[in-house]
Amino acid sequence: MERKKSLIKVAVLDMTEVEELAIQFRAIQLPKTQIVGVHTEKWGIVTTQRGIFALTSEGVGPKSPITNDNFLTISFWGEYKNDDGVSVDCTPFSTLNINLDSLKEFGIEKEIPLHEFIRNFGSRLENNYDMWKTMLENQ
């Protein structure tokens, strides 16, 4: 079933700089480990009259606008080279709380419609998309 299209634009955040900092942090934590990379979710923001909302490409995120008191929390997972190939953290090794002022300093990769930003796979993601579409259209 094709999802209903949305006129809402999502500004996709450029996570390059914070991922590089996370790699440096992880290297301090694990100095003898060969770190292949660090990953986080794909995050985007939507600016409304009520404020800036943040969500992932799976349609997960705070249901209220990001402020200097209501942070966006981003999690980081490491990827490591070992004798068997490559392994990935099962749980995040670190999180970063980002307030509104810091969020405004992030670069933007591109702007895309909400229906393209939230992945289209299974009922959970469709429910998340419908929830965000409804909520953001009513802001």
Protein backbone atom coordinates (compact mmCIF):
# COMPACT_ATOMS: atom_id res chain seq x y z
CA MET A 1 0.00 0.00 0.00
CA GLU A 2 1.37 3.40 -0.96
CA ARG A 3 1.62 5.87 1.90
CA LYS A 4 -0.05 9.26 1.82
CA LYS A 5 2.42 11.88 0.68
CA SER A 6 3.29 14.79 2.94
CA LEU A 7 4.14 18.41 2.20
CA ILE A 8 6.21 18.52 5.41
CA LYS A 9 9.93 19.01 4.72
CA VAL A 10 12.57 17.33 6.88
CA ALA A 11 16.03 18.88 7.08
CA VAL A 12 18.39 15.89 7.29
CA LEU A 13 21.16 16.59 9.79
CA ASP A 14 24.80 16.15 8.78
CA MET A 15 26.16 13.90 11.54
CA THR A 16 29.75 13.81 10.20
CA GLU A 17 31.28 16.11 12.81
CA VAL A 18 29.68 14.46 15.87
CA GLU A 19 30.49 10.99 14.53
CA GLU A 20 34.16 12.02 14.16
CA LEU A 21 34.17 13.30 17.74
CA ALA A 22 32.56 10.05 18.88
CA ILE A 23 35.32 8.06 17.16
CA GLN A 24 37.94 10.10 19.04
CA PHE A 25 36.09 9.55 22.32
CA ARG A 26 35.80 5.79 21.69
CA ALA A 27 39.51 5.58 20.83
CA ILE A 28 40.32 7.04 24.25
CA GLN A 29 38.01 4.48 25.89
CA LEU A 30 39.47 1.55 23.90
CA PRO A 31 43.06 2.50 23.00
CA LYS A 32 44.08 -1.00 21.85
CA THR A 33 41.02 -1.60 19.65
CA GLN A 34 40.92 -0.90 15.92
CA ILE A 35 37.82 1.23 15.43
CA VAL A 36 36.33 0.96 11.94
CA GLY A 37 33.63 3.58 12.49
CA VAL A 38 30.88 4.99 14.64
CA HIS A 39 27.22 5.11 13.71
CA THR A 40 24.13 6.89 14.89
CA GLU A 41 20.59 7.02 13.61
CA LYS A 42 19.77 9.23 10.64
CA TRP A 43 18.25 12.35 12.25
CA GLY A 44 16.18 15.11 10.73
CA ILE A 45 14.43 18.22 12.02
CA VAL A 46 11.14 19.88 11.17
CA THR A 47 10.56 23.53 12.01
CA THR A 48 6.99 24.42 13.00
CA GLN A 49 5.27 27.36 14.66
CA ARG A 50 5.62 25.48 17.98
CA GLY A 51 9.35 24.92 17.54
CA ILE A 52 11.85 22.45 16.09
CA PHE A 53 11.00 18.75 16.27
CA ALA A 54 13.62 16.01 15.76
CA LEU A 55 13.02 12.50 14.49
CA THR A 56 14.91 9.55 13.06
CA SER A 57 14.40 7.87 9.70
CA GLU A 58 12.41 5.25 11.62
CA GLY A 59 10.00 7.88 12.90
CA VAL A 60 11.29 7.89 16.47
CA GLY A 61 11.98 11.06 18.43
CA PRO A 62 10.79 13.39 21.18
CA LYS A 63 7.12 14.31 20.85
CA SER A 64 7.75 17.87 21.98
CA PRO A 65 10.01 20.53 20.42
CA ILE A 66 13.71 20.62 21.23
CA THR A 67 14.54 23.51 23.56
CA ASN A 68 17.50 24.49 25.70
CA ASP A 69 15.83 22.52 28.52
CA ASN A 70 14.36 19.65 26.44
CA PHE A 71 17.35 17.99 24.79
CA LEU A 72 17.64 15.71 21.80
CA THR A 73 19.58 12.60 22.86
CA ILE A 74 21.64 10.90 20.16
CA SER A 75 23.18 7.44 20.71
CA PHE A 76 26.41 6.09 19.20
CA TRP A 77 27.40 2.53 18.31
CA GLY A 78 30.95 1.51 17.46
CA GLU A 79 32.20 -0.81 14.75
CA TYR A 80 35.47 -2.66 15.36
CA LYS A 81 37.92 -4.81 13.44
CA ASN A 82 38.81 -8.12 15.08
CA ASP A 83 40.18 -11.55 14.11
CA ASP A 84 36.75 -12.68 12.88
CA GLY A 85 36.12 -9.60 10.74
CA VAL A 86 34.06 -6.72 12.07
CA SER A 87 31.85 -6.48 15.15
CA VAL A 88 29.34 -3.82 16.20
CA ASP A 89 28.24 -2.69 19.67
CA CYS A 90 24.97 -4.29 20.78
CA THR A 91 24.15 -1.21 22.84
CA PRO A 92 25.27 2.40 22.47
CA PHE A 93 28.66 3.16 23.96
CA SER A 94 27.75 6.82 24.43
CA THR A 95 24.98 9.36 24.12
CA LEU A 96 25.04 13.07 23.39
CA ASN A 97 22.43 15.52 24.68
CA ILE A 98 21.88 18.38 22.25
CA ASN A 99 20.01 21.53 23.21
CA LEU A 100 18.30 23.87 20.76
CA ASP A 101 21.25 26.26 20.45
CA SER A 102 23.62 23.39 19.60
CA LEU A 103 21.11 21.78 17.25
CA LYS A 104 20.93 24.98 15.20
CA GLU A 105 24.70 24.68 14.56
CA PHE A 106 24.40 21.31 12.77
CA GLY A 107 24.86 21.27 9.03
CA ILE A 108 22.00 20.15 6.82
CA GLU A 109 22.65 17.45 4.19
CA LYS A 110 19.41 18.05 2.29
CA GLU A 111 15.69 18.66 2.67
CA ILE A 112 13.27 15.91 1.72
CA PRO A 113 9.56 15.27 2.26
CA LEU A 114 8.55 13.43 5.43
CA HIS A 115 7.20 10.48 3.41
CA GLU A 116 10.68 9.98 1.90
CA PHE A 117 12.59 10.56 5.16
CA ILE A 118 10.84 7.94 7.32
CA ARG A 119 11.72 4.51 6.00
CA ASN A 120 8.92 2.51 4.43
CA PHE A 121 9.13 -1.01 5.84
CA GLY A 122 6.47 -2.75 7.92
CA SER A 123 3.57 -1.66 10.06
CA ARG A 124 5.67 -0.15 12.88
CA LEU A 125 7.30 2.37 10.56
CA GLU A 126 3.99 3.09 8.83
CA ASN A 127 2.37 3.76 12.21
CA ASN A 128 5.27 6.04 13.15
CA TYR A 129 4.94 7.88 9.84
CA ASP A 130 1.18 8.37 10.28
CA MET A 131 1.71 9.65 13.84
CA TRP A 132 4.39 12.19 12.81
CA LYS A 133 2.44 13.30 9.72
CA THR A 134 -0.68 13.96 11.79
CA MET A 135 1.20 15.62 14.64
CA LEU A 136 3.34 17.90 12.45
CA GLU A 137 0.47 18.91 10.19
CA ASN A 138 -1.39 20.13 13.29
CA GLN A 139 1.46 22.34 14.59
